[in-house]
Amino acid sequence: MQPKLITMFGVEIRVLTGDLPGDTSTVLDYRAPAQFRGPAEHFHAESSEWFYVLEGSLALSVNGEESVAQVGEYLLVRPRTPHRWSNPFDAPVRYLCGFDRPGMQGYFEELKKLVASAPAWPPADMTPVHALAERYDTFATPAR
């Protein structure tokens, strides 16, 4: 079976697991273009998230600590840990991203629909985006 492909903002996400009955986790093959800003800082209340870099470099901020993950490096982010990632570099990055729960790809599928229906992005009212994220155990980090 071909992996499901989700595309938006120049990003390609291939859903490797998390989509089938009996899946216990979600694994995504994520490709982000050069100079991609990535998500705002957030945390997952229940889920761990991990990253494994396949190509390029991935800038990460975990609990305020900045780092750059290179090919072959792995990083685990535990629940309730503020984090974000980006690709501020001049080359694309490809990495595997995983969650210890199934169905997390649903966030990206639904976000793509929100983006398509919005007259401009980001929208002036982020309430629907935050509500969507929270349904997928993703919460904005409170201002420090």
Protein backbone atom coordinates (compact mmCIF):
# COMPACT_ATOMS: atom_id res chain seq x y z
CA MET A 1 0.00 0.00 0.00
CA GLN A 2 1.29 3.47 -0.91
CA PRO A 3 1.72 5.85 2.03
CA LYS A 4 -0.82 8.67 2.16
CA LEU A 5 0.73 12.02 1.11
CA ILE A 6 -0.26 15.33 2.72
CA THR A 7 1.13 18.53 1.16
CA MET A 8 0.89 22.20 2.22
CA PHE A 9 3.23 25.20 2.58
CA GLY A 10 5.83 23.39 0.46
CA VAL A 11 5.93 20.54 3.00
CA GLU A 12 5.39 16.88 2.09
CA ILE A 13 4.26 14.48 4.80
CA ARG A 14 4.03 10.77 4.04
CA VAL A 15 1.97 8.84 6.59
CA LEU A 16 3.86 5.62 7.30
CA THR A 17 1.83 4.37 10.30
CA GLY A 18 -1.05 5.53 12.45
CA ASP A 19 -3.71 5.13 9.79
CA LEU A 20 -4.65 1.47 10.15
CA PRO A 21 -6.69 -0.40 12.77
CA GLY A 22 -4.35 -1.78 15.41
CA ASP A 23 -1.67 0.90 14.94
CA THR A 24 -0.27 1.97 18.29
CA SER A 25 1.83 4.89 17.05
CA THR A 26 2.15 7.40 14.23
CA VAL A 27 5.25 7.68 12.05
CA LEU A 28 5.53 10.42 9.43
CA ASP A 29 8.17 10.92 6.74
CA TYR A 30 8.40 14.72 6.77
CA ARG A 31 10.11 16.90 4.12
CA ALA A 32 10.37 20.64 4.71
CA PRO A 33 11.78 23.16 2.23
CA ALA A 34 14.72 25.45 2.86
CA GLN A 35 13.96 28.46 5.08
CA PHE A 36 10.77 26.83 6.44
CA ARG A 37 9.64 28.48 9.67
CA GLY A 38 8.00 25.41 11.21
CA PRO A 39 5.34 25.42 13.93
CA ALA A 40 5.06 27.75 16.89
CA GLU A 41 6.32 26.43 20.20
CA HIS A 42 3.89 23.86 21.58
CA PHE A 43 3.66 20.78 23.78
CA HIS A 44 1.77 17.50 23.84
CA ALA A 45 -0.01 16.76 27.12
CA GLU A 46 -0.05 12.96 26.74
CA SER A 47 2.20 12.06 23.81
CA SER A 48 5.92 11.78 23.33
CA GLU A 49 7.23 12.97 19.96
CA TRP A 50 10.52 11.96 18.35
CA PHE A 51 12.59 13.15 15.41
CA TYR A 52 15.19 11.26 13.33
CA VAL A 53 17.00 13.25 10.61
CA LEU A 54 17.44 11.49 7.24
CA GLU A 55 18.68 14.39 5.06
CA GLY A 56 19.79 17.96 5.81
CA SER A 57 19.70 19.66 9.21
CA LEU A 58 16.81 20.32 11.59
CA ALA A 59 16.83 23.23 14.05
CA LEU A 60 15.13 22.31 17.32
CA SER A 61 14.19 24.15 20.47
CA VAL A 62 13.31 21.90 23.40
CA ASN A 63 12.49 23.53 26.73
CA GLY A 64 14.27 26.67 25.50
CA GLU A 65 17.49 24.80 24.58
CA GLU A 66 18.46 25.41 20.94
CA SER A 67 20.20 22.70 18.90
CA VAL A 68 20.68 21.47 15.35
CA ALA A 69 20.12 17.80 14.57
CA GLN A 70 22.16 16.35 11.71
CA VAL A 71 21.70 13.21 9.59
CA GLY A 72 21.45 10.15 11.81
CA GLU A 73 20.58 12.06 14.98
CA TYR A 74 17.53 11.23 17.08
CA LEU A 75 15.70 13.37 19.62
CA LEU A 76 12.88 12.35 21.96
CA VAL A 77 10.53 15.00 23.37
CA ARG A 78 8.55 13.84 26.40
CA PRO A 79 4.96 14.93 27.18
CA ARG A 80 4.46 18.47 28.48
CA THR A 81 7.87 19.59 27.15
CA PRO A 82 7.71 22.84 25.13
CA HIS A 83 9.32 22.41 21.72
CA ARG A 84 9.42 23.61 18.15
CA TRP A 85 11.41 22.89 15.03
CA SER A 86 12.32 24.77 11.86
CA ASN A 87 14.54 24.61 8.81
CA PRO A 88 16.35 27.98 8.66
CA PHE A 89 18.96 26.47 6.34
CA ASP A 90 19.46 26.81 2.56
CA ALA A 91 18.68 23.14 1.84
CA PRO A 92 15.56 21.04 2.43
CA VAL A 93 15.37 18.71 5.41
CA ARG A 94 13.86 15.24 5.56
CA TYR A 95 13.21 13.48 8.84
CA LEU A 96 11.03 10.88 10.44
CA CYS A 97 8.69 12.18 13.10
CA GLY A 98 6.78 9.90 15.41
CA PHE A 99 4.22 9.94 18.21
CA ASP A 100 3.42 7.20 20.70
CA ARG A 101 -0.25 7.28 19.72
CA PRO A 102 -2.06 6.52 16.47
CA GLY A 103 -4.00 9.02 14.39
CA MET A 104 -1.80 12.09 14.77
CA GLN A 105 -1.69 12.49 10.98
CA GLY A 106 -5.33 13.58 11.29
CA TYR A 107 -4.09 16.94 12.55
CA PHE A 108 -2.23 17.60 9.30
CA GLU A 109 -5.15 16.33 7.18
CA GLU A 110 -7.59 18.66 8.95
CA LEU A 111 -5.14 21.57 8.98
CA LYS A 112 -4.79 21.28 5.20
CA LYS A 113 -8.59 21.69 4.91
CA LEU A 114 -8.53 24.74 7.21
CA VAL A 115 -5.75 26.31 5.14
CA ALA A 116 -7.64 25.66 1.90
CA SER A 117 -10.83 27.25 3.24
CA ALA A 118 -9.15 30.34 4.75
CA PRO A 119 -9.07 33.59 2.73
CA ALA A 120 -5.56 34.29 4.09
CA TRP A 121 -3.02 32.41 6.18
CA PRO A 122 -2.47 32.70 9.03
CA PRO A 123 -6.08 33.63 9.76
CA ALA A 124 -6.91 36.66 11.90
CA ASP A 125 -8.82 34.38 14.29
CA MET A 126 -6.64 31.43 15.34
CA THR A 127 -9.39 29.89 17.53
CA PRO A 128 -10.26 27.12 15.02
CA VAL A 129 -6.57 26.27 14.56
CA HIS A 130 -6.02 26.01 18.33
CA ALA A 131 -9.18 23.92 18.74
CA LEU A 132 -7.99 21.56 16.01
CA ALA A 133 -4.55 21.23 17.59
CA GLU A 134 -6.02 20.50 21.02
CA ARG A 135 -8.10 17.64 19.56
CA TYR A 136 -4.73 16.13 18.63
CA ASP A 137 -3.04 16.63 22.02
CA THR A 138 -1.15 19.73 20.84
CA PHE A 139 -1.24 22.89 22.94
CA ALA A 140 0.29 26.34 22.54
CA THR A 141 3.01 27.03 25.08
CA PRO A 142 1.98 29.79 27.48
CA ALA A 143 4.00 33.00 27.13
CA ARG A 144 7.06 32.95 29.37
